[in-house]
């Protein structure tokens, strides 16, 4: 019998609210208060998110970000800086002993199969990364998140199209990731701290070479909503679950979110 999971389409939201919602659902699932959840969302304004342990001021020109009207926010997950600009961000919040049980890499692989199936439904034959980035590549700041694919992340013709990160807490995990819809990551070069403009231009070309968006591949563009339908279908086809699209955030989650935002 299929498990009932919750599906939430949050649409475009401010960066602090997006991260607060992901944290709240993780806390709820960890405490048995919230159902396992698949969530999709976008960002308003466009936002740079950065990893939980990252010293962002060392790498990002925060004043330039502010002047551009973009947001900036710390993720509860690790990893490097990502530009969220007219994309589809997905979040899966689940139990570590349920359908997605296993190690971090094993759950990455399982969710990766859903993402691949979704892309296949819209006509994109993407691939899952099988190797790990070299130690040298991991240490280079000049490689932001989307310039190298970690194991089981998704790429198309050696260009990264989906990047993800995961955190675990008390028998639950949150995995969220960016599905590039209309823009690749080359605009990120505008905000990186560099020695000179020549270095910035090199980074821009590198980011363009290493990243690609869905609608840069398709002949007929697909919308955020259309992609969400295909993602729903893929989850229900690959896993024995039924997504409840009517239930929103519960009282515990709303209270938790309010507490975070008001800090």
Foldseek 3Di string as FASTA:
>chain_A
DAAEAAEEEPEEDAPLLVQLLLVLQLVCQLVVNHGWYKYKYAYVPWEKEAEPPDPVVVWWQVVLCVVVVYYYYYHPFHFGIDTGHQWIKMKTKFFCPPPQHDDPLSSLQLVLQLVCQLLVVVPARKDFAAAADDPVVVPDPLQGQQLDDGGGAIDGPQAGQKGWTKDDDNRMMMIMITGAAPDFGLCRLVTTDDPDVVSSVVSSVSSVVRHDHSVVPDPDGDHNVRSVVSSQVSCVVSHSHHYDHPDDDDPSSVVSSVVSVVD
